Amino acid sequence: MKNVIIGQYIPGNSFFYRMDPRSKIISLMILMVASFILKDVFQIGVMLLFVFALLIIGKIPVGRILRGLRPLMYLLIFTFFFQILLNKTEPVLYQGTLHFSFLSIIVVILVYFFYRFSKKYVPFKMLYLLLFIISIFVVLINVDNVTAFKTTNLAIYQGGVLMALYITLRLVVIVTLSTILTLSTKPTDLNLGLESILKPLKIIKFNTEELAMIISIALRYIPTLLDEANKIMLAQASRGVDFSEGKLKDKIMQVISLLVPMFIISFKRSDDLANAMEARSFVPGKPRTRLHVLTWKSIDTITIVFSTFVFIASIYMVVS
């Protein structure tokens, strides 16, 4: 949980921090739409390089972004193998047979136990998990293909591999773009920017201030609650609780022991926040004064124009 960086703000002095939050939100939306327009791996790879160039220019640590992507690795790995195994777009890159026999199943079980006991000593756990999944397929293909009681054809297609890479890279691009916004924007500025952008919805009697406040409070308290969860896990670990070991029943009980204090802390923090807002005479729907007033600068206009240029270039890459 300590690797989750969604909602966190890191002080800095690059041009990202000098920009108006409205221009950052608009540019983010434009770039996200551009990433959804792109159709193949080469195009989304170019977008990924562009996003990492933004990180370098904006002086945002790339290592921190990569560490923040760790919680999504399970989703990325699942999506990657899901596309490879189920996408049947020609041509065929590899074709083989999975052999299920008593010997192959025993070898798979031994590989699984070896993975369970050795993963705690391996620094790159995600790559180790990927190697473990591949090793299972290797075992089922090559071990005891004579006495197998069941066989299943395995075919890997070029379209499946390309689609798996495409979806995985697009998820990385979208998460990185949203992380740039939260890392370089204070929660109060983000709230003001959302309110300003959503103001046209007032025409249809939509309360934009409350929606913007709900979004900003949710983003603000994500890292806070994750820190509290990490403290509870460390406190329970000091009492002998291990969240990574034990039977399924034990793990469920351990998660319940984590959720109960988390709910109590969440309710207490929401009550404290409500009291603080009442002490400052906050009334939903009523006009409020602002200590900080947003100012639009030339760098914001340049950023919007540049984002629009990237959007147009994405369209050109697709239609050409």
Foldseek 3Di string as FASTA:
>chain_A
DLLALFLPADDDDAVLLVAQLLLLVLLLVLLLVLLVLFDWLVLLVVSLVVLVVCCVRRVPDPVSLVSNCVVCLVVLVVLLVVLQQPPDDDDWPDKAKFFADPVLVVVLVVLVVCCLVCLVVDPPNSVSVVVNVVVNRVSRGPPPPPHGPDMDMTITHPVSNGVSSSVSSSVSSSSSSSSSSSHNDDLVSQLVSQLVVCVVVCVVVDQSNVVSVVVSVVSNCPVVLVVVLVVVVVVVVVVPDDCSDDDPVSNVVVVVVSVVVSVVVVVVVVVVVVVVCVVVVDDRPDDDDDPDDGDHDPVSVVSSVVSVVSSVVSVVVSVD
